[in-house]
Amino acid sequence: MGDKTGEKFSYIDYWEENYANGGNSGNGSYGVLAQFKGDVINQFINKKQIHTVIDLDVAMETN
């Protein structure tokens, strides 16, 4: 992965290592933080009177 030596950060390597070490997608994907994010998005949709939303689910595959 990337570091201060100039190596580029690889999000693929990051997530593969994270899941390989028993990690998950993070606190923002569960519980009160996930609820908060959903509430913020829903408030925005309602305030802007958005009628159509496309969810581009970018899930990581784990083999």
PDB file of N, CA and C in Angstrom:
ATOM      1  N   MET A   1       0.833  -1.187   0.000  1.00  0.00           N
ATOM      2  CA  MET A   1       0.000   0.000   0.000  1.00  0.00           C
ATOM      3  C   MET A   1       0.869   1.239   0.000  1.00  0.00           C
ATOM      4  N   GLY A   2       0.214   2.384  -0.204  1.00  0.00           N
ATOM      5  CA  GLY A   2       0.965   3.620  -0.270  1.00  0.00           C
ATOM      6  C   GLY A   2       1.508   4.067   1.072  1.00  0.00           C
ATOM      7  N   ASP A   3       2.604   4.787   1.010  1.00  0.00           N
ATOM      8  CA  ASP A   3       3.183   5.345   2.217  1.00  0.00           C
ATOM      9  C   ASP A   3       3.895   6.637   1.868  1.00  0.00           C
ATOM     10  N   LYS A   4       4.688   7.161   2.786  1.00  0.00           N
ATOM     11  CA  LYS A   4       5.357   8.444   2.583  1.00  0.00           C
ATOM     12  C   LYS A   4       6.541   8.357   1.633  1.00  0.00           C
ATOM     13  N   THR A   5       6.850   7.169   1.124  1.00  0.00           N
ATOM     14  CA  THR A   5       7.973   7.038   0.195  1.00  0.00           C
ATOM     15  C   THR A   5       7.571   7.342  -1.236  1.00  0.00           C
ATOM     16  N   GLY A   6       6.296   7.672  -1.443  1.00  0.00           N
ATOM     17  CA  GLY A   6       5.830   8.000  -2.783  1.00  0.00           C
ATOM     18  C   GLY A   6       5.057   6.878  -3.443  1.00  0.00           C
ATOM     19  N   GLU A   7       4.983   5.727  -2.794  1.00  0.00           N
ATOM     20  CA  GLU A   7       4.217   4.621  -3.354  1.00  0.00           C
ATOM     21  C   GLU A   7       2.743   5.014  -3.369  1.00  0.00           C
ATOM     22  N   LYS A   8       2.057   4.720  -4.486  1.00  0.00           N
ATOM     23  CA  LYS A   8       0.643   5.071  -4.600  1.00  0.00           C
ATOM     24  C   LYS A   8      -0.205   4.178  -3.711  1.00  0.00           C
ATOM     25  N   PHE A   9      -1.241   4.786  -3.153  1.00  0.00           N
ATOM     26  CA  PHE A   9      -2.188   4.059  -2.309  1.00  0.00           C
ATOM     27  C   PHE A   9      -3.071   3.187  -3.189  1.00  0.00           C
ATOM     28  N   SER A  10      -3.255   1.955  -2.774  1.00  0.00           N
ATOM     29  CA  SER A  10      -4.125   1.028  -3.493  1.00  0.00           C
ATOM     30  C   SER A  10      -5.322   0.698  -2.619  1.00  0.00           C
ATOM     31  N   TYR A  11      -6.500   1.197  -3.000  1.00  0.00           N
ATOM     32  CA  TYR A  11      -7.691   0.891  -2.219  1.00  0.00           C
ATOM     33  C   TYR A  11      -8.025  -0.593  -2.290  1.00  0.00           C
ATOM     34  N   ILE A  12      -7.682  -1.233  -3.389  1.00  0.00           N
ATOM     35  CA  ILE A  12      -7.937  -2.675  -3.525  1.00  0.00           C
ATOM     36  C   ILE A  12      -7.098  -3.436  -2.505  1.00  0.00           C
ATOM     37  N   ASP A  13      -5.811  -3.115  -2.439  1.00  0.00           N
ATOM     38  CA  ASP A  13      -4.939  -3.757  -1.445  1.00  0.00           C
ATOM     39  C   ASP A  13      -5.415  -3.466  -0.022  1.00  0.00           C
ATOM     40  N   TYR A  14      -5.819  -2.228   0.212  1.00  0.00           N
ATOM     41  CA  TYR A  14      -6.286  -1.850   1.543  1.00  0.00           C
ATOM     42  C   TYR A  14      -7.452  -2.728   1.985  1.00  0.00           C
ATOM     43  N   TRP A  15      -8.483  -2.831   1.122  1.00  0.00           N
ATOM     44  CA  TRP A  15      -9.674  -3.584   1.507  1.00  0.00           C
ATOM     45  C   TRP A  15      -9.402  -5.082   1.560  1.00  0.00           C
ATOM     46  N   GLU A  16      -8.582  -5.586   0.664  1.00  0.00           N
ATOM     47  CA  GLU A  16      -8.248  -7.011   0.716  1.00  0.00           C
ATOM     48  C   GLU A  16      -7.525  -7.340   2.021  1.00  0.00           C
ATOM     49  N   GLU A  17      -6.585  -6.484   2.415  1.00  0.00           N
ATOM     50  CA  GLU A  17      -5.864  -6.700   3.664  1.00  0.00           C
ATOM     51  C   GLU A  17      -6.804  -6.539   4.868  1.00  0.00           C
ATOM     52  N   ASN A  18      -7.658  -5.530   4.806  1.00  0.00           N
ATOM     53  CA  ASN A  18      -8.607  -5.287   5.891  1.00  0.00           C
ATOM     54  C   ASN A  18      -9.499  -6.509   6.121  1.00  0.00           C
ATOM     55  N   TYR A  19     -10.109  -7.022   5.068  1.00  0.00           N
ATOM     56  CA  TYR A  19     -11.005  -8.167   5.211  1.00  0.00           C
ATOM     57  C   TYR A  19     -10.232  -9.441   5.560  1.00  0.00           C
ATOM     58  N   ALA A  20      -9.046  -9.602   5.024  1.00  0.00           N
ATOM     59  CA  ALA A  20      -8.229 -10.782   5.327  1.00  0.00           C
ATOM     60  C   ALA A  20      -7.859 -10.837   6.806  1.00  0.00           C
ATOM     61  N   ASN A  21      -7.762  -9.659   7.432  1.00  0.00           N
ATOM     62  CA  ASN A  21      -7.421  -9.586   8.849  1.00  0.00           C
ATOM     63  C   ASN A  21      -8.653  -9.513   9.742  1.00  0.00           C
ATOM     64  N   GLY A  22      -9.818  -9.870   9.195  1.00  0.00           N
ATOM     65  CA  GLY A  22     -11.046  -9.917   9.991  1.00  0.00           C
ATOM     66  C   GLY A  22     -11.768  -8.600  10.130  1.00  0.00           C
ATOM     67  N   GLY A  23     -11.360  -7.593   9.365  1.00  0.00           N
ATOM     68  CA  GLY A  23     -12.019  -6.290   9.440  1.00  0.00           C
ATOM     69  C   GLY A  23     -13.348  -6.289   8.706  1.00  0.00           C
ATOM     70  N   ASN A  24     -14.043  -5.172   8.803  1.00  0.00           N
ATOM     71  CA  ASN A  24     -15.304  -5.005   8.082  1.00  0.00           C
ATOM     72  C   ASN A  24     -15.284  -3.665   7.361  1.00  0.00           C
ATOM     73  N   SER A  25     -16.431  -3.228   6.887  1.00  0.00           N
ATOM     74  CA  SER A  25     -16.471  -2.006   6.087  1.00  0.00           C
ATOM     75  C   SER A  25     -16.460  -0.731   6.922  1.00  0.00           C
ATOM     76  N   GLY A  26     -16.378  -0.869   8.229  1.00  0.00           N
ATOM     77  CA  GLY A  26     -16.193   0.300   9.077  1.00  0.00           C
ATOM     78  C   GLY A  26     -17.432   0.726   9.846  1.00  0.00           C
ATOM     79  N   ASN A  27     -17.203   1.553  10.835  1.00  0.00           N
ATOM     80  CA  ASN A  27     -18.281   1.995  11.730  1.00  0.00           C
ATOM     81  C   ASN A  27     -19.412   2.708  11.004  1.00  0.00           C
ATOM     82  N   GLY A  28     -19.086   3.412   9.933  1.00  0.00           N
ATOM     83  CA  GLY A  28     -20.109   4.150   9.201  1.00  0.00           C
ATOM     84  C   GLY A  28     -21.076   3.279   8.428  1.00  0.00           C
ATOM     85  N   SER A  29     -20.844   1.995   8.408  1.00  0.00           N
ATOM     86  CA  SER A  29     -21.721   1.075   7.692  1.00  0.00           C
ATOM     87  C   SER A  29     -22.680   0.326   8.615  1.00  0.00           C
ATOM     88  N   TYR A  30     -22.621   0.604   9.902  1.00  0.00           N
ATOM     89  CA  TYR A  30     -23.416  -0.138  10.874  1.00  0.00           C
ATOM     90  C   TYR A  30     -23.964   0.786  11.944  1.00  0.00           C
ATOM     91  N   GLY A  31     -25.065   0.393  12.543  1.00  0.00           N
ATOM     92  CA  GLY A  31     -25.587   1.062  13.729  1.00  0.00           C
ATOM     93  C   GLY A  31     -25.960   2.517  13.549  1.00  0.00           C
ATOM     94  N   VAL A  32     -25.688   3.308  14.600  1.00  0.00           N
ATOM     95  CA  VAL A  32     -26.143   4.696  14.615  1.00  0.00           C
ATOM     96  C   VAL A  32     -25.481   5.548  13.539  1.00  0.00           C
ATOM     97  N   LEU A  33     -24.241   5.256  13.187  1.00  0.00           N
ATOM     98  CA  LEU A  33     -23.593   6.053  12.133  1.00  0.00           C
ATOM     99  C   LEU A  33     -24.213   5.770  10.771  1.00  0.00           C
ATOM    100  N   ALA A  34     -24.549   4.528  10.503  1.00  0.00           N
ATOM    101  CA  ALA A  34     -25.229   4.197   9.248  1.00  0.00           C
ATOM    102  C   ALA A  34     -26.615   4.850   9.214  1.00  0.00           C
ATOM    103  N   GLN A  35     -27.302   4.821  10.342  1.00  0.00           N
ATOM    104  CA  GLN A  35     -28.619   5.468  10.431  1.00  0.00           C
ATOM    105  C   GLN A  35     -28.492   6.968  10.181  1.00  0.00           C
ATOM    106  N   PHE A  36     -27.476   7.592  10.779  1.00  0.00           N
ATOM    107  CA  PHE A  36     -27.244   9.022  10.590  1.00  0.00           C
ATOM    108  C   PHE A  36     -27.017   9.345   9.108  1.00  0.00           C
ATOM    109  N   LYS A  37     -26.157   8.570   8.454  1.00  0.00           N
ATOM    110  CA  LYS A  37     -25.895   8.812   7.027  1.00  0.00           C
ATOM    111  C   LYS A  37     -27.171   8.679   6.212  1.00  0.00           C
ATOM    112  N   GLY A  38     -27.959   7.654   6.506  1.00  0.00           N
ATOM    113  CA  GLY A  38     -29.227   7.477   5.795  1.00  0.00           C
ATOM    114  C   GLY A  38     -30.169   8.642   6.015  1.00  0.00           C
ATOM    115  N   ASP A  39     -30.244   9.128   7.253  1.00  0.00           N
ATOM    116  CA  ASP A  39     -31.108  10.268   7.563  1.00  0.00           C
ATOM    117  C   ASP A  39     -30.673  11.515   6.806  1.00  0.00           C
ATOM    118  N   VAL A  40     -29.359  11.770   6.756  1.00  0.00           N
ATOM    119  CA  VAL A  40     -28.850  12.946   6.041  1.00  0.00           C
ATOM    120  C   VAL A  40     -29.193  12.861   4.560  1.00  0.00           C
ATOM    121  N   ILE A  41     -28.977  11.700   3.973  1.00  0.00           N
ATOM    122  CA  ILE A  41     -29.281  11.518   2.539  1.00  0.00           C
ATOM    123  C   ILE A  41     -30.771  11.690   2.286  1.00  0.00           C
ATOM    124  N   ASN A  42     -31.600  11.084   3.128  1.00  0.00           N
ATOM    125  CA  ASN A  42     -33.051  11.193   2.943  1.00  0.00           C
ATOM    126  C   ASN A  42     -33.547  12.622   3.126  1.00  0.00           C
ATOM    127  N   GLN A  43     -32.977  13.366   4.077  1.00  0.00           N
ATOM    128  CA  GLN A  43     -33.347  14.771   4.252  1.00  0.00           C
ATOM    129  C   GLN A  43     -32.982  15.591   3.013  1.00  0.00           C
ATOM    130  N   PHE A  44     -31.811  15.330   2.464  1.00  0.00           N
ATOM    131  CA  PHE A  44     -31.372  16.031   1.251  1.00  0.00           C
ATOM    132  C   PHE A  44     -32.326  15.735   0.095  1.00  0.00           C
ATOM    133  N   ILE A  45     -32.663  14.467  -0.079  1.00  0.00           N
ATOM    134  CA  ILE A  45     -33.573  14.057  -1.160  1.00  0.00           C
ATOM    135  C   ILE A  45     -34.918  14.760  -1.010  1.00  0.00           C
ATOM    136  N   ASN A  46     -35.439  14.795   0.208  1.00  0.00           N
ATOM    137  CA  ASN A  46     -36.723  15.454   0.446  1.00  0.00           C
ATOM    138  C   ASN A  46     -36.637  16.957   0.244  1.00  0.00           C
ATOM    139  N   LYS A  47     -35.584  17.599   0.759  1.00  0.00           N
ATOM    140  CA  LYS A  47     -35.433  19.048   0.649  1.00  0.00           C
ATOM    141  C   LYS A  47     -35.318  19.487  -0.807  1.00  0.00           C
ATOM    142  N   LYS A  48     -34.588  18.713  -1.605  1.00  0.00           N
ATOM    143  CA  LYS A  48     -34.384  19.063  -3.012  1.00  0.00           C
ATOM    144  C   LYS A  48     -35.486  18.509  -3.912  1.00  0.00           C
ATOM    145  N   GLN A  49     -36.470  17.836  -3.323  1.00  0.00           N
ATOM    146  CA  GLN A  49     -37.602  17.246  -4.039  1.00  0.00           C
ATOM    147  C   GLN A  49     -37.132  16.331  -5.171  1.00  0.00           C
ATOM    148  N   ILE A  50     -36.172  15.502  -4.842  1.00  0.00           N
ATOM    149  CA  ILE A  50     -35.643  14.537  -5.802  1.00  0.00           C
ATOM    150  C   ILE A  50     -36.628  13.372  -5.889  1.00  0.00           C
ATOM    151  N   HIS A  51     -36.960  12.981  -7.113  1.00  0.00           N
ATOM    152  CA  HIS A  51     -37.965  11.935  -7.313  1.00  0.00           C
ATOM    153  C   HIS A  51     -37.355  10.601  -7.737  1.00  0.00           C
ATOM    154  N   THR A  52     -36.139  10.639  -8.225  1.00  0.00           N
ATOM    155  CA  THR A  52     -35.493   9.413  -8.693  1.00  0.00           C
ATOM    156  C   THR A  52     -34.076   9.349  -8.160  1.00  0.00           C
ATOM    157  N   VAL A  53     -33.717   8.200  -7.635  1.00  0.00           N
ATOM    158  CA  VAL A  53     -32.375   7.995  -7.103  1.00  0.00           C
ATOM    159  C   VAL A  53     -31.838   6.687  -7.667  1.00  0.00           C
ATOM    160  N   ILE A  54     -30.596   6.713  -8.089  1.00  0.00           N
ATOM    161  CA  ILE A  54     -29.922   5.497  -8.542  1.00  0.00           C
ATOM    162  C   ILE A  54     -28.864   5.152  -7.503  1.00  0.00           C
ATOM    163  N   ASP A  55     -28.976   3.971  -6.945  1.00  0.00           N
ATOM    164  CA  ASP A  55     -28.002   3.517  -5.939  1.00  0.00           C
ATOM    165  C   ASP A  55     -26.911   2.744  -6.640  1.00  0.00           C
ATOM    166  N   LEU A  56     -25.727   3.318  -6.716  1.00  0.00           N
ATOM    167  CA  LEU A  56     -24.588   2.643  -7.330  1.00  0.00           C
ATOM    168  C   LEU A  56     -23.820   1.914  -6.238  1.00  0.00           C
ATOM    169  N   ASP A  57     -24.322   0.771  -5.868  1.00  0.00           N
ATOM    170  CA  ASP A  57     -23.737  -0.016  -4.795  1.00  0.00           C
ATOM    171  C   ASP A  57     -22.349  -0.478  -5.219  1.00  0.00           C
ATOM    172  N   VAL A  58     -21.359  -0.038  -4.493  1.00  0.00           N
ATOM    173  CA  VAL A  58     -19.985  -0.389  -4.801  1.00  0.00           C
ATOM    174  C   VAL A  58     -19.496  -1.346  -3.716  1.00  0.00           C
ATOM    175  N   ALA A  59     -20.011  -2.532  -3.756  1.00  0.00           N
ATOM    176  CA  ALA A  59     -19.651  -3.526  -2.746  1.00  0.00           C
ATOM    177  C   ALA A  59     -18.340  -4.203  -3.119  1.00  0.00           C
ATOM    178  N   MET A  60     -17.588  -4.543  -2.111  1.00  0.00           N
ATOM    179  CA  MET A  60     -16.344  -5.264  -2.324  1.00  0.00           C
ATOM    180  C   MET A  60     -16.651  -6.759  -2.342  1.00  0.00           C
ATOM    181  N   GLU A  61     -16.099  -7.458  -3.287  1.00  0.00           N
ATOM    182  CA  GLU A  61     -16.262  -8.897  -3.321  1.00  0.00           C
ATOM    183  C   GLU A  61     -15.241  -9.543  -2.395  1.00  0.00           C
ATOM    184  N   THR A  62     -15.688 -10.530  -1.670  1.00  0.00           N
ATOM    185  CA  THR A  62     -14.758 -11.302  -0.856  1.00  0.00           C
ATOM    186  C   THR A  62     -14.861 -12.752  -1.291  1.00  0.00           C
ATOM    187  N   ASN A  63     -13.744 -13.335  -1.582  1.00  0.00           N
ATOM    188  CA  ASN A  63     -13.734 -14.730  -2.054  1.00  0.00           C
ATOM    189  C   ASN A  63     -13.360 -15.662  -0.940  1.00  0.00           C
TER     190      ASN A  63
END
